[in-house]
């Protein structure tokens, strides 16, 4: 046995732990800076938010990827388009949160597919239909409204009567977040999506056609028959680099009341949620505007153009309008 061993204790582990902690703090700091600067760059994200009525700035929120936000917006918009109450939308969103985490899955248990993990073999439709978010949300609602008194049932009971899941109690834990999403897309909440502005030009016909698929020939709004340069689909918002902007203007019809306002909100937030996929650069609604790549994804009062309250900005929306601008 050697007698030359160094009897002094080794102290490398604390040093390694300190170095590891510094690295961890550096990584956390990097992502914090990325999030703080998001809206002009960084990884895309969306947050649904409902502020308290105490005017103290506190809120409930739910954060999603753009993919999840787009799917949640479609589920909510389909429910609004069908004229269903908020309770139906909350049940649908909570169900999709449990079944797929708001992702349009191409796999599942046995032959289950899509946002709601519906099965072709059980009569829900073809695989192509089930993996279409508009169709899958629509057929979920069709089955839900056939449940007597569904709006008065506990959420997990109502969802289970439609889904017939092996884990019926699992839906309940999503109800608080689903309630926030429902308020964001059709009530008194808000949806913010940060990240860089769309990289490529948007396709106005794709946006218009998708709105028609969701809302049908909406009797509460005038949807332009065709899109093109500003002035065809909406008003001339000016030129600037790249020439005139392409937009879609959705105008509430007279005497639409609260139902038309609810549709407008669902349309505006659907456009924001789908901005990355659809190449949407700006959405103007009410007294505010969402602009891709700006303000960390927050809505800006009257567009935040630098003029007082944004007055004179040709891209502002008039009362009862939703204006969707395409990236160029």
C-alpha atoms as a PDB file:
ATOM      1  CA  UNK A   1       0.000   0.000   0.000  1.00  0.00           C
ATOM      2  CA  UNK A   2       1.548   3.313  -1.002  1.00  0.00           C
ATOM      3  CA  UNK A   3       2.475   5.829   1.695  1.00  0.00           C
ATOM      4  CA  UNK A   4       2.669   8.796  -0.735  1.00  0.00           C
ATOM      5  CA  UNK A   5      -1.026   9.724  -0.856  1.00  0.00           C
ATOM      6  CA  UNK A   6      -1.826  13.402  -0.369  1.00  0.00           C
ATOM      7  CA  UNK A   7      -3.842  13.616   2.855  1.00  0.00           C
ATOM      8  CA  UNK A   8      -5.350  17.014   1.929  1.00  0.00           C
ATOM      9  CA  UNK A   9      -9.054  16.908   1.083  1.00  0.00           C
ATOM     10  CA  UNK A  10     -10.093  17.624  -2.503  1.00  0.00           C
ATOM     11  CA  UNK A  11     -12.279  20.705  -3.060  1.00  0.00           C
ATOM     12  CA  UNK A  12     -13.164  20.353  -6.732  1.00  0.00           C
ATOM     13  CA  UNK A  13     -16.836  19.563  -6.304  1.00  0.00           C
ATOM     14  CA  UNK A  14     -17.803  22.978  -4.851  1.00  0.00           C
ATOM     15  CA  UNK A  15     -15.837  24.644  -7.632  1.00  0.00           C
ATOM     16  CA  UNK A  16     -17.611  22.574 -10.280  1.00  0.00           C
ATOM     17  CA  UNK A  17     -20.973  23.357  -8.686  1.00  0.00           C
ATOM     18  CA  UNK A  18     -20.177  27.079  -8.734  1.00  0.00           C
ATOM     19  CA  UNK A  19     -19.175  26.935 -12.397  1.00  0.00           C
ATOM     20  CA  UNK A  20     -22.330  24.986 -13.229  1.00  0.00           C
ATOM     21  CA  UNK A  21     -24.476  27.551 -11.429  1.00  0.00           C
ATOM     22  CA  UNK A  22     -22.839  30.399 -13.337  1.00  0.00           C
ATOM     23  CA  UNK A  23     -23.491  28.624 -16.639  1.00  0.00           C
ATOM     24  CA  UNK A  24     -27.122  28.022 -15.668  1.00  0.00           C
ATOM     25  CA  UNK A  25     -27.580  31.676 -14.702  1.00  0.00           C
ATOM     26  CA  UNK A  26     -26.041  32.759 -17.986  1.00  0.00           C
ATOM     27  CA  UNK A  27     -28.459  30.544 -19.953  1.00  0.00           C
ATOM     28  CA  UNK A  28     -31.449  31.790 -17.966  1.00  0.00           C
ATOM     29  CA  UNK A  29     -30.290  35.367 -18.476  1.00  0.00           C
ATOM     30  CA  UNK A  30     -29.924  34.822 -22.208  1.00  0.00           C
ATOM     31  CA  UNK A  31     -33.473  33.545 -22.570  1.00  0.00           C
ATOM     32  CA  UNK A  32     -34.781  36.315 -20.335  1.00  0.00           C
ATOM     33  CA  UNK A  33     -33.174  38.882 -22.628  1.00  0.00           C
ATOM     34  CA  UNK A  34     -34.595  37.059 -25.654  1.00  0.00           C
ATOM     35  CA  UNK A  35     -38.077  37.169 -24.136  1.00  0.00           C
ATOM     36  CA  UNK A  36     -37.689  40.809 -23.123  1.00  0.00           C
ATOM     37  CA  UNK A  37     -36.678  41.753 -26.636  1.00  0.00           C
ATOM     38  CA  UNK A  38     -39.216  39.477 -28.285  1.00  0.00           C
ATOM     39  CA  UNK A  39     -41.453  41.231 -30.734  1.00  0.00           C
ATOM     40  CA  UNK A  40     -38.422  42.376 -32.657  1.00  0.00           C
ATOM     41  CA  UNK A  41     -36.850  38.925 -32.743  1.00  0.00           C
ATOM     42  CA  UNK A  42     -36.429  35.817 -30.623  1.00  0.00           C
ATOM     43  CA  UNK A  43     -38.497  32.674 -30.489  1.00  0.00           C
ATOM     44  CA  UNK A  44     -42.208  33.131 -31.285  1.00  0.00           C
ATOM     45  CA  UNK A  45     -44.706  32.710 -28.448  1.00  0.00           C
ATOM     46  CA  UNK A  46     -48.318  33.570 -27.662  1.00  0.00           C
ATOM     47  CA  UNK A  47     -49.983  34.451 -24.361  1.00  0.00           C
ATOM     48  CA  UNK A  48     -53.707  34.532 -23.624  1.00  0.00           C
ATOM     49  CA  UNK A  49     -54.398  36.945 -20.795  1.00  0.00           C
ATOM     50  CA  UNK A  50     -57.373  38.034 -18.708  1.00  0.00           C
ATOM     51  CA  UNK A  51     -56.904  41.019 -16.413  1.00  0.00           C
ATOM     52  CA  UNK A  52     -58.557  41.232 -13.023  1.00  0.00           C
ATOM     53  CA  UNK A  53     -61.311  43.739 -12.415  1.00  0.00           C
ATOM     54  CA  UNK A  54     -59.287  45.430  -9.680  1.00  0.00           C
ATOM     55  CA  UNK A  55     -57.347  47.669 -12.099  1.00  0.00           C
ATOM     56  CA  UNK A  56     -54.104  46.646 -10.398  1.00  0.00           C
ATOM     57  CA  UNK A  57     -52.491  45.081 -13.447  1.00  0.00           C
ATOM     58  CA  UNK A  58     -52.826  41.497 -12.198  1.00  0.00           C
ATOM     59  CA  UNK A  59     -53.961  38.873 -14.683  1.00  0.00           C
ATOM     60  CA  UNK A  60     -54.419  35.191 -15.348  1.00  0.00           C
ATOM     61  CA  UNK A  61     -52.509  33.940 -18.363  1.00  0.00           C
ATOM     62  CA  UNK A  62     -51.777  30.867 -20.451  1.00  0.00           C
ATOM     63  CA  UNK A  63     -48.710  30.646 -22.696  1.00  0.00           C
ATOM     64  CA  UNK A  64     -48.598  28.663 -25.938  1.00  0.00           C
ATOM     65  CA  UNK A  65     -46.560  28.079 -29.056  1.00  0.00           C
ATOM     66  CA  UNK A  66     -47.885  29.679 -32.262  1.00  0.00           C
ATOM     67  CA  UNK A  67     -49.095  26.238 -33.387  1.00  0.00           C
ATOM     68  CA  UNK A  68     -51.095  25.758 -30.198  1.00  0.00           C
ATOM     69  CA  UNK A  69     -52.466  29.292 -30.340  1.00  0.00           C
ATOM     70  CA  UNK A  70     -53.595  28.851 -33.946  1.00  0.00           C
ATOM     71  CA  UNK A  71     -55.412  25.627 -33.081  1.00  0.00           C
ATOM     72  CA  UNK A  72     -56.995  27.141 -29.975  1.00  0.00           C
ATOM     73  CA  UNK A  73     -58.112  30.168 -31.998  1.00  0.00           C
ATOM     74  CA  UNK A  74     -59.721  27.916 -34.603  1.00  0.00           C
ATOM     75  CA  UNK A  75     -61.561  25.867 -31.976  1.00  0.00           C
ATOM     76  CA  UNK A  76     -62.870  29.048 -30.358  1.00  0.00           C
ATOM     77  CA  UNK A  77     -63.768  30.687 -33.673  1.00  0.00           C
ATOM     78  CA  UNK A  78     -65.760  27.670 -34.834  1.00  0.00           C
ATOM     79  CA  UNK A  79     -67.757  27.748 -31.593  1.00  0.00           C
ATOM     80  CA  UNK A  80     -68.385  31.482 -31.936  1.00  0.00           C
ATOM     81  CA  UNK A  81     -69.386  31.052 -35.588  1.00  0.00           C
ATOM     82  CA  UNK A  82     -71.945  28.434 -34.545  1.00  0.00           C
ATOM     83  CA  UNK A  83     -73.408  30.893 -32.052  1.00  0.00           C
ATOM     84  CA  UNK A  84     -72.565  28.675 -29.079  1.00  0.00           C
ATOM     85  CA  UNK A  85     -72.052  30.060 -25.570  1.00  0.00           C
ATOM     86  CA  UNK A  86     -68.683  30.505 -23.890  1.00  0.00           C
ATOM     87  CA  UNK A  87     -69.289  27.349 -21.867  1.00  0.00           C
ATOM     88  CA  UNK A  88     -69.272  25.248 -25.035  1.00  0.00           C
ATOM     89  CA  UNK A  89     -66.003  26.846 -26.158  1.00  0.00           C
ATOM     90  CA  UNK A  90     -64.408  26.205 -22.757  1.00  0.00           C
ATOM     91  CA  UNK A  91     -65.448  22.538 -22.853  1.00  0.00           C
ATOM     92  CA  UNK A  92     -64.028  22.127 -26.363  1.00  0.00           C
ATOM     93  CA  UNK A  93     -60.729  23.828 -25.512  1.00  0.00           C
ATOM     94  CA  UNK A  94     -60.255  21.834 -22.296  1.00  0.00           C
ATOM     95  CA  UNK A  95     -60.951  18.623 -24.208  1.00  0.00           C
ATOM     96  CA  UNK A  96     -58.375  19.412 -26.890  1.00  0.00           C
ATOM     97  CA  UNK A  97     -55.842  20.467 -24.245  1.00  0.00           C
ATOM     98  CA  UNK A  98     -56.143  17.039 -22.633  1.00  0.00           C
ATOM     99  CA  UNK A  99     -56.354  14.965 -25.818  1.00  0.00           C
ATOM    100  CA  UNK A 100     -53.576  16.578 -27.858  1.00  0.00           C
ATOM    101  CA  UNK A 101     -52.123  19.548 -25.945  1.00  0.00           C
ATOM    102  CA  UNK A 102     -53.668  21.676 -28.725  1.00  0.00           C
ATOM    103  CA  UNK A 103     -51.563  19.979 -31.408  1.00  0.00           C
ATOM    104  CA  UNK A 104     -52.995  18.499 -34.588  1.00  0.00           C
ATOM    105  CA  UNK A 105     -51.564  15.008 -34.116  1.00  0.00           C
ATOM    106  CA  UNK A 106     -51.190  12.469 -36.911  1.00  0.00           C
ATOM    107  CA  UNK A 107     -51.131   9.596 -34.419  1.00  0.00           C
ATOM    108  CA  UNK A 108     -52.737   8.436 -31.197  1.00  0.00           C
ATOM    109  CA  UNK A 109     -54.238   5.486 -29.373  1.00  0.00           C
ATOM    110  CA  UNK A 110     -55.304   2.949 -31.989  1.00  0.00           C
ATOM    111  CA  UNK A 111     -56.573   5.074 -34.894  1.00  0.00           C
ATOM    112  CA  UNK A 112     -57.120   8.311 -32.940  1.00  0.00           C
ATOM    113  CA  UNK A 113     -56.082  11.497 -34.765  1.00  0.00           C
ATOM    114  CA  UNK A 114     -56.147  15.253 -34.596  1.00  0.00           C
ATOM    115  CA  UNK A 115     -56.870  17.842 -31.933  1.00  0.00           C
ATOM    116  CA  UNK A 116     -59.613  15.799 -30.255  1.00  0.00           C
ATOM    117  CA  UNK A 117     -58.130  12.355 -30.963  1.00  0.00           C
ATOM    118  CA  UNK A 118     -61.226  11.341 -32.884  1.00  0.00           C
ATOM    119  CA  UNK A 119     -61.309   7.892 -34.492  1.00  0.00           C
ATOM    120  CA  UNK A 120     -62.285   7.181 -38.111  1.00  0.00           C
ATOM    121  CA  UNK A 121     -63.354   3.687 -37.102  1.00  0.00           C
ATOM    122  CA  UNK A 122     -65.895   5.170 -34.679  1.00  0.00           C
ATOM    123  CA  UNK A 123     -67.588   7.299 -37.311  1.00  0.00           C
ATOM    124  CA  UNK A 124     -65.943  10.661 -36.656  1.00  0.00           C
ATOM    125  CA  UNK A 125     -64.907  11.091 -40.284  1.00  0.00           C
ATOM    126  CA  UNK A 126     -62.051  10.273 -42.602  1.00  0.00           C
ATOM    127  CA  UNK A 127     -58.445  10.784 -41.445  1.00  0.00           C
ATOM    128  CA  UNK A 128     -58.251  13.845 -43.738  1.00  0.00           C
ATOM    129  CA  UNK A 129     -61.360  15.335 -42.164  1.00  0.00           C
ATOM    130  CA  UNK A 130     -60.340  14.623 -38.579  1.00  0.00           C
ATOM    131  CA  UNK A 131     -56.940  16.254 -39.060  1.00  0.00           C
ATOM    132  CA  UNK A 132     -58.629  19.424 -40.367  1.00  0.00           C
ATOM    133  CA  UNK A 133     -59.020  21.641 -37.261  1.00  0.00           C
ATOM    134  CA  UNK A 134     -62.130  23.363 -38.606  1.00  0.00           C
ATOM    135  CA  UNK A 135     -63.876  20.037 -39.264  1.00  0.00           C
ATOM    136  CA  UNK A 136     -62.766  18.355 -36.032  1.00  0.00           C
ATOM    137  CA  UNK A 137     -63.861  21.303 -33.900  1.00  0.00           C
ATOM    138  CA  UNK A 138     -67.166  21.517 -35.748  1.00  0.00           C
ATOM    139  CA  UNK A 139     -68.070  17.860 -35.286  1.00  0.00           C
ATOM    140  CA  UNK A 140     -67.070  18.008 -31.613  1.00  0.00           C
ATOM    141  CA  UNK A 141     -69.518  20.878 -31.100  1.00  0.00           C
ATOM    142  CA  UNK A 142     -72.207  19.025 -33.069  1.00  0.00           C
ATOM    143  CA  UNK A 143     -71.929  16.096 -30.653  1.00  0.00           C
ATOM    144  CA  UNK A 144     -71.702  18.374 -27.611  1.00  0.00           C
ATOM    145  CA  UNK A 145     -74.955  20.227 -28.299  1.00  0.00           C
ATOM    146  CA  UNK A 146     -76.716  16.853 -28.495  1.00  0.00           C
ATOM    147  CA  UNK A 147     -75.888  16.301 -24.812  1.00  0.00           C
ATOM    148  CA  UNK A 148     -78.949  17.412 -22.818  1.00  0.00           C
ATOM    149  CA  UNK A 149     -78.100  20.311 -20.514  1.00  0.00           C
ATOM    150  CA  UNK A 150     -74.407  20.194 -21.386  1.00  0.00           C
ATOM    151  CA  UNK A 151     -73.828  23.802 -20.316  1.00  0.00           C
ATOM    152  CA  UNK A 152     -74.969  23.010 -16.769  1.00  0.00           C
ATOM    153  CA  UNK A 153     -72.944  19.831 -16.392  1.00  0.00           C
ATOM    154  CA  UNK A 154     -69.489  19.684 -14.805  1.00  0.00           C
ATOM    155  CA  UNK A 155     -66.957  20.125 -17.597  1.00  0.00           C
ATOM    156  CA  UNK A 156     -65.506  16.652 -17.216  1.00  0.00           C
ATOM    157  CA  UNK A 157     -68.988  15.090 -17.475  1.00  0.00           C
ATOM    158  CA  UNK A 158     -69.929  17.042 -20.588  1.00  0.00           C
ATOM    159  CA  UNK A 159     -66.598  16.269 -22.286  1.00  0.00           C
ATOM    160  CA  UNK A 160     -66.814  12.590 -21.403  1.00  0.00           C
ATOM    161  CA  UNK A 161     -70.280  12.248 -22.920  1.00  0.00           C
ATOM    162  CA  UNK A 162     -68.758  13.307 -26.226  1.00  0.00           C
ATOM    163  CA  UNK A 163     -65.336  11.667 -26.009  1.00  0.00           C
ATOM    164  CA  UNK A 164     -66.004   8.488 -24.000  1.00  0.00           C
ATOM    165  CA  UNK A 165     -62.441   8.554 -22.724  1.00  0.00           C
ATOM    166  CA  UNK A 166     -60.768   5.955 -20.543  1.00  0.00           C
ATOM    167  CA  UNK A 167     -59.664   8.799 -18.248  1.00  0.00           C
ATOM    168  CA  UNK A 168     -62.732  11.028 -17.908  1.00  0.00           C
ATOM    169  CA  UNK A 169     -61.526  12.969 -14.852  1.00  0.00           C
ATOM    170  CA  UNK A 170     -58.466  14.250 -16.747  1.00  0.00           C
ATOM    171  CA  UNK A 171     -60.424  17.008 -18.489  1.00  0.00           C
ATOM    172  CA  UNK A 172     -61.173  18.874 -15.263  1.00  0.00           C
ATOM    173  CA  UNK A 173     -57.621  20.082 -14.635  1.00  0.00           C
ATOM    174  CA  UNK A 174     -57.658  22.098 -17.867  1.00  0.00           C
ATOM    175  CA  UNK A 175     -60.797  24.084 -17.075  1.00  0.00           C
ATOM    176  CA  UNK A 176     -59.042  27.166 -15.568  1.00  0.00           C
ATOM    177  CA  UNK A 177     -56.695  27.555 -18.548  1.00  0.00           C
ATOM    178  CA  UNK A 178     -59.484  26.844 -21.027  1.00  0.00           C
ATOM    179  CA  UNK A 179     -61.537  29.585 -19.385  1.00  0.00           C
ATOM    180  CA  UNK A 180     -58.697  32.059 -19.917  1.00  0.00           C
ATOM    181  CA  UNK A 181     -58.460  31.041 -23.593  1.00  0.00           C
ATOM    182  CA  UNK A 182     -62.213  31.415 -24.060  1.00  0.00           C
ATOM    183  CA  UNK A 183     -62.104  34.935 -22.651  1.00  0.00           C
ATOM    184  CA  UNK A 184     -59.125  35.824 -24.834  1.00  0.00           C
ATOM    185  CA  UNK A 185     -60.712  34.714 -28.092  1.00  0.00           C
ATOM    186  CA  UNK A 186     -64.292  35.800 -27.566  1.00  0.00           C
ATOM    187  CA  UNK A 187     -64.700  37.683 -24.305  1.00  0.00           C
ATOM    188  CA  UNK A 188     -62.933  40.382 -22.339  1.00  0.00           C
ATOM    189  CA  UNK A 189     -59.428  38.872 -22.485  1.00  0.00           C
ATOM    190  CA  UNK A 190     -56.609  39.417 -24.963  1.00  0.00           C
ATOM    191  CA  UNK A 191     -54.163  37.406 -27.067  1.00  0.00           C
ATOM    192  CA  UNK A 192     -50.590  38.596 -27.585  1.00  0.00           C
ATOM    193  CA  UNK A 193     -48.143  36.897 -29.956  1.00  0.00           C
ATOM    194  CA  UNK A 194     -44.484  37.921 -29.961  1.00  0.00           C
ATOM    195  CA  UNK A 195     -41.567  37.072 -32.175  1.00  0.00           C
ATOM    196  CA  UNK A 196     -40.169  38.294 -35.471  1.00  0.00           C
ATOM    197  CA  UNK A 197     -42.396  39.672 -38.191  1.00  0.00           C
ATOM    198  CA  UNK A 198     -43.457  37.166 -40.880  1.00  0.00           C
ATOM    199  CA  UNK A 199     -40.517  36.174 -43.049  1.00  0.00           C
ATOM    200  CA  UNK A 200     -42.388  35.873 -46.327  1.00  0.00           C
ATOM    201  CA  UNK A 201     -45.374  37.397 -48.118  1.00  0.00           C
ATOM    202  CA  UNK A 202     -48.840  36.430 -46.975  1.00  0.00           C
ATOM    203  CA  UNK A 203     -51.553  34.966 -49.184  1.00  0.00           C
ATOM    204  CA  UNK A 204     -54.755  37.014 -48.799  1.00  0.00           C
ATOM    205  CA  UNK A 205     -56.853  34.444 -50.649  1.00  0.00           C
ATOM    206  CA  UNK A 206     -55.792  31.752 -48.174  1.00  0.00           C
ATOM    207  CA  UNK A 207     -56.785  33.973 -45.251  1.00  0.00           C
ATOM    208  CA  UNK A 208     -60.098  34.945 -46.833  1.00  0.00           C
ATOM    209  CA  UNK A 209     -60.968  31.339 -47.708  1.00  0.00           C
ATOM    210  CA  UNK A 210     -60.134  30.119 -44.222  1.00  0.00           C
ATOM    211  CA  UNK A 211     -62.322  32.812 -42.661  1.00  0.00           C
ATOM    212  CA  UNK A 212     -65.179  31.735 -44.919  1.00  0.00           C
ATOM    213  CA  UNK A 213     -64.607  28.079 -43.973  1.00  0.00           C
ATOM    214  CA  UNK A 214     -64.857  28.980 -40.294  1.00  0.00           C
ATOM    215  CA  UNK A 215     -67.579  31.629 -40.319  1.00  0.00           C
ATOM    216  CA  UNK A 216     -69.402  30.629 -43.492  1.00  0.00           C
ATOM    217  CA  UNK A 217     -71.151  33.332 -45.440  1.00  0.00           C
ATOM    218  CA  UNK A 218     -71.242  35.317 -42.227  1.00  0.00           C
ATOM    219  CA  UNK A 219     -74.525  37.204 -42.008  1.00  0.00           C
ATOM    220  CA  UNK A 220     -72.972  39.519 -39.407  1.00  0.00           C
ATOM    221  CA  UNK A 221     -70.011  40.721 -41.501  1.00  0.00           C
ATOM    222  CA  UNK A 222     -69.317  41.814 -45.036  1.00  0.00           C
ATOM    223  CA  UNK A 223     -66.427  39.663 -46.285  1.00  0.00           C
ATOM    224  CA  UNK A 224     -64.799  40.999 -49.456  1.00  0.00           C
ATOM    225  CA  UNK A 225     -65.475  38.862 -52.542  1.00  0.00           C
ATOM    226  CA  UNK A 226     -61.858  39.002 -53.614  1.00  0.00           C
ATOM    227  CA  UNK A 227     -58.558  40.371 -52.412  1.00  0.00           C
ATOM    228  CA  UNK A 228     -55.722  42.181 -54.045  1.00  0.00           C
ATOM    229  CA  UNK A 229     -53.924  45.448 -53.676  1.00  0.00           C
ATOM    230  CA  UNK A 230     -55.307  47.833 -51.113  1.00  0.00           C
ATOM    231  CA  UNK A 231     -58.547  49.323 -52.334  1.00  0.00           C
ATOM    232  CA  UNK A 232     -59.844  45.977 -53.628  1.00  0.00           C
ATOM    233  CA  UNK A 233     -60.042  44.145 -50.311  1.00  0.00           C
ATOM    234  CA  UNK A 234     -59.973  47.231 -48.124  1.00  0.00           C
ATOM    235  CA  UNK A 235     -58.903  50.823 -48.141  1.00  0.00           C
ATOM    236  CA  UNK A 236     -55.661  52.195 -49.515  1.00  0.00           C
ATOM    237  CA  UNK A 237     -53.306  52.145 -46.539  1.00  0.00           C
ATOM    238  CA  UNK A 238     -50.502  53.834 -48.413  1.00  0.00           C
ATOM    239  CA  UNK A 239     -47.481  52.545 -50.227  1.00  0.00           C
ATOM    240  CA  UNK A 240     -44.139  52.571 -48.536  1.00  0.00           C
ATOM    241  CA  UNK A 241     -41.527  50.037 -49.409  1.00  0.00           C
ATOM    242  CA  UNK A 242     -42.867  47.229 -51.540  1.00  0.00           C
ATOM    243  CA  UNK A 243     -45.826  49.194 -52.877  1.00  0.00           C
ATOM    244  CA  UNK A 244     -49.446  49.210 -51.668  1.00  0.00           C
ATOM    245  CA  UNK A 245     -50.303  46.853 -48.813  1.00  0.00           C
ATOM    246  CA  UNK A 246     -52.666  43.967 -49.311  1.00  0.00           C
ATOM    247  CA  UNK A 247     -55.404  43.765 -46.726  1.00  0.00           C
ATOM    248  CA  UNK A 248     -58.701  42.116 -45.910  1.00  0.00           C
ATOM    249  CA  UNK A 249     -61.308  44.350 -44.291  1.00  0.00           C
ATOM    250  CA  UNK A 250     -64.181  42.712 -42.414  1.00  0.00           C
ATOM    251  CA  UNK A 251     -67.021  45.090 -41.626  1.00  0.00           C
ATOM    252  CA  UNK A 252     -69.833  44.418 -39.188  1.00  0.00           C
ATOM    253  CA  UNK A 253     -73.268  44.791 -40.733  1.00  0.00           C
ATOM    254  CA  UNK A 254     -75.793  47.135 -39.217  1.00  0.00           C
ATOM    255  CA  UNK A 255     -77.751  45.932 -36.185  1.00  0.00           C
ATOM    256  CA  UNK A 256     -75.419  42.974 -35.615  1.00  0.00           C
ATOM    257  CA  UNK A 257     -75.301  43.748 -31.918  1.00  0.00           C
ATOM    258  CA  UNK A 258     -73.223  41.788 -29.398  1.00  0.00           C
ATOM    259  CA  UNK A 259     -73.093  38.724 -31.662  1.00  0.00           C
ATOM    260  CA  UNK A 260     -71.300  40.724 -34.374  1.00  0.00           C
ATOM    261  CA  UNK A 261     -68.860  42.126 -31.805  1.00  0.00           C
ATOM    262  CA  UNK A 262     -68.101  38.601 -30.581  1.00  0.00           C
ATOM    263  CA  UNK A 263     -67.465  37.491 -34.173  1.00  0.00           C
ATOM    264  CA  UNK A 264     -65.146  40.459 -34.729  1.00  0.00           C
ATOM    265  CA  UNK A 265     -63.086  39.607 -31.674  1.00  0.00           C
ATOM    266  CA  UNK A 266     -62.800  35.972 -32.731  1.00  0.00           C
ATOM    267  CA  UNK A 267     -61.718  37.026 -36.239  1.00  0.00           C
ATOM    268  CA  UNK A 268     -59.128  39.514 -34.976  1.00  0.00           C
ATOM    269  CA  UNK A 269     -57.515  37.130 -32.525  1.00  0.00           C
ATOM    270  CA  UNK A 270     -57.679  34.252 -34.994  1.00  0.00           C
ATOM    271  CA  UNK A 271     -55.651  36.418 -37.378  1.00  0.00           C
ATOM    272  CA  UNK A 272     -53.062  37.203 -34.694  1.00  0.00           C
ATOM    273  CA  UNK A 273     -52.767  33.557 -33.674  1.00  0.00           C
ATOM    274  CA  UNK A 274     -52.302  32.533 -37.312  1.00  0.00           C
ATOM    275  CA  UNK A 275     -49.995  35.412 -38.240  1.00  0.00           C
ATOM    276  CA  UNK A 276     -46.849  33.268 -38.441  1.00  0.00           C
ATOM    277  CA  UNK A 277     -48.457  30.581 -40.589  1.00  0.00           C
ATOM    278  CA  UNK A 278     -50.518  32.936 -42.770  1.00  0.00           C
ATOM    279  CA  UNK A 279     -47.979  35.743 -43.236  1.00  0.00           C
ATOM    280  CA  UNK A 280     -50.098  38.362 -41.466  1.00  0.00           C
ATOM    281  CA  UNK A 281     -48.132  41.476 -40.544  1.00  0.00           C
ATOM    282  CA  UNK A 282     -50.781  43.554 -38.785  1.00  0.00           C
ATOM    283  CA  UNK A 283     -54.300  43.327 -37.373  1.00  0.00           C
ATOM    284  CA  UNK A 284     -56.247  46.511 -36.573  1.00  0.00           C
ATOM    285  CA  UNK A 285     -59.343  46.207 -34.411  1.00  0.00           C
ATOM    286  CA  UNK A 286     -61.125  48.682 -32.181  1.00  0.00           C
ATOM    287  CA  UNK A 287     -58.759  51.337 -30.892  1.00  0.00           C
ATOM    288  CA  UNK A 288     -55.697  49.114 -31.117  1.00  0.00           C
ATOM    289  CA  UNK A 289     -53.453  47.262 -33.498  1.00  0.00           C
ATOM    290  CA  UNK A 290     -51.244  44.212 -33.262  1.00  0.00           C
ATOM    291  CA  UNK A 291     -48.097  44.583 -35.387  1.00  0.00           C
ATOM    292  CA  UNK A 292     -45.792  41.649 -36.066  1.00  0.00           C
ATOM    293  CA  UNK A 293     -42.259  42.132 -34.768  1.00  0.00           C
ATOM    294  CA  UNK A 294     -43.127  45.065 -32.514  1.00  0.00           C
ATOM    295  CA  UNK A 295     -43.827  45.793 -28.832  1.00  0.00           C
ATOM    296  CA  UNK A 296     -43.115  42.219 -27.689  1.00  0.00           C
ATOM    297  CA  UNK A 297     -46.339  41.111 -29.351  1.00  0.00           C
ATOM    298  CA  UNK A 298     -48.534  43.457 -27.334  1.00  0.00           C
ATOM    299  CA  UNK A 299     -51.455  45.359 -28.829  1.00  0.00           C
ATOM    300  CA  UNK A 300     -50.685  49.040 -29.366  1.00  0.00           C
ATOM    301  CA  UNK A 301     -53.211  51.783 -28.857  1.00  0.00           C
ATOM    302  CA  UNK A 302     -54.323  52.983 -32.298  1.00  0.00           C
ATOM    303  CA  UNK A 303     -51.265  51.379 -33.841  1.00  0.00           C
ATOM    304  CA  UNK A 304     -48.645  53.270 -31.855  1.00  0.00           C
ATOM    305  CA  UNK A 305     -47.322  55.068 -34.923  1.00  0.00           C
ATOM    306  CA  UNK A 306     -45.769  57.963 -33.055  1.00  0.00           C
ATOM    307  CA  UNK A 307     -48.547  60.460 -33.733  1.00  0.00           C
ATOM    308  CA  UNK A 308     -50.708  61.442 -30.806  1.00  0.00           C
ATOM    309  CA  UNK A 309     -52.781  58.356 -29.965  1.00  0.00           C
ATOM    310  CA  UNK A 310     -51.965  57.099 -33.466  1.00  0.00           C
ATOM    311  CA  UNK A 311     -54.340  59.635 -35.016  1.00  0.00           C
ATOM    312  CA  UNK A 312     -54.099  59.838 -38.779  1.00  0.00           C
ATOM    313  CA  UNK A 313     -52.688  56.341 -39.258  1.00  0.00           C
ATOM    314  CA  UNK A 314     -54.353  55.080 -42.462  1.00  0.00           C
ATOM    315  CA  UNK A 315     -54.155  51.521 -41.116  1.00  0.00           C
ATOM    316  CA  UNK A 316     -56.398  52.162 -38.120  1.00  0.00           C
ATOM    317  CA  UNK A 317     -59.724  50.355 -37.956  1.00  0.00           C
ATOM    318  CA  UNK A 318     -63.023  52.163 -37.825  1.00  0.00           C
ATOM    319  CA  UNK A 319     -65.713  51.039 -35.356  1.00  0.00           C
ATOM    320  CA  UNK A 320     -67.015  47.607 -36.304  1.00  0.00           C
ATOM    321  CA  UNK A 321     -64.040  46.777 -38.511  1.00  0.00           C
ATOM    322  CA  UNK A 322     -61.323  44.149 -38.458  1.00  0.00           C
ATOM    323  CA  UNK A 323     -58.472  44.945 -40.836  1.00  0.00           C
ATOM    324  CA  UNK A 324     -55.961  42.202 -41.617  1.00  0.00           C
ATOM    325  CA  UNK A 325     -52.770  43.225 -43.413  1.00  0.00           C
ATOM    326  CA  UNK A 326     -50.551  40.770 -45.249  1.00  0.00           C
ATOM    327  CA  UNK A 327     -46.755  40.740 -45.097  1.00  0.00           C
ATOM    328  CA  UNK A 328     -45.042  41.834 -48.320  1.00  0.00           C
END
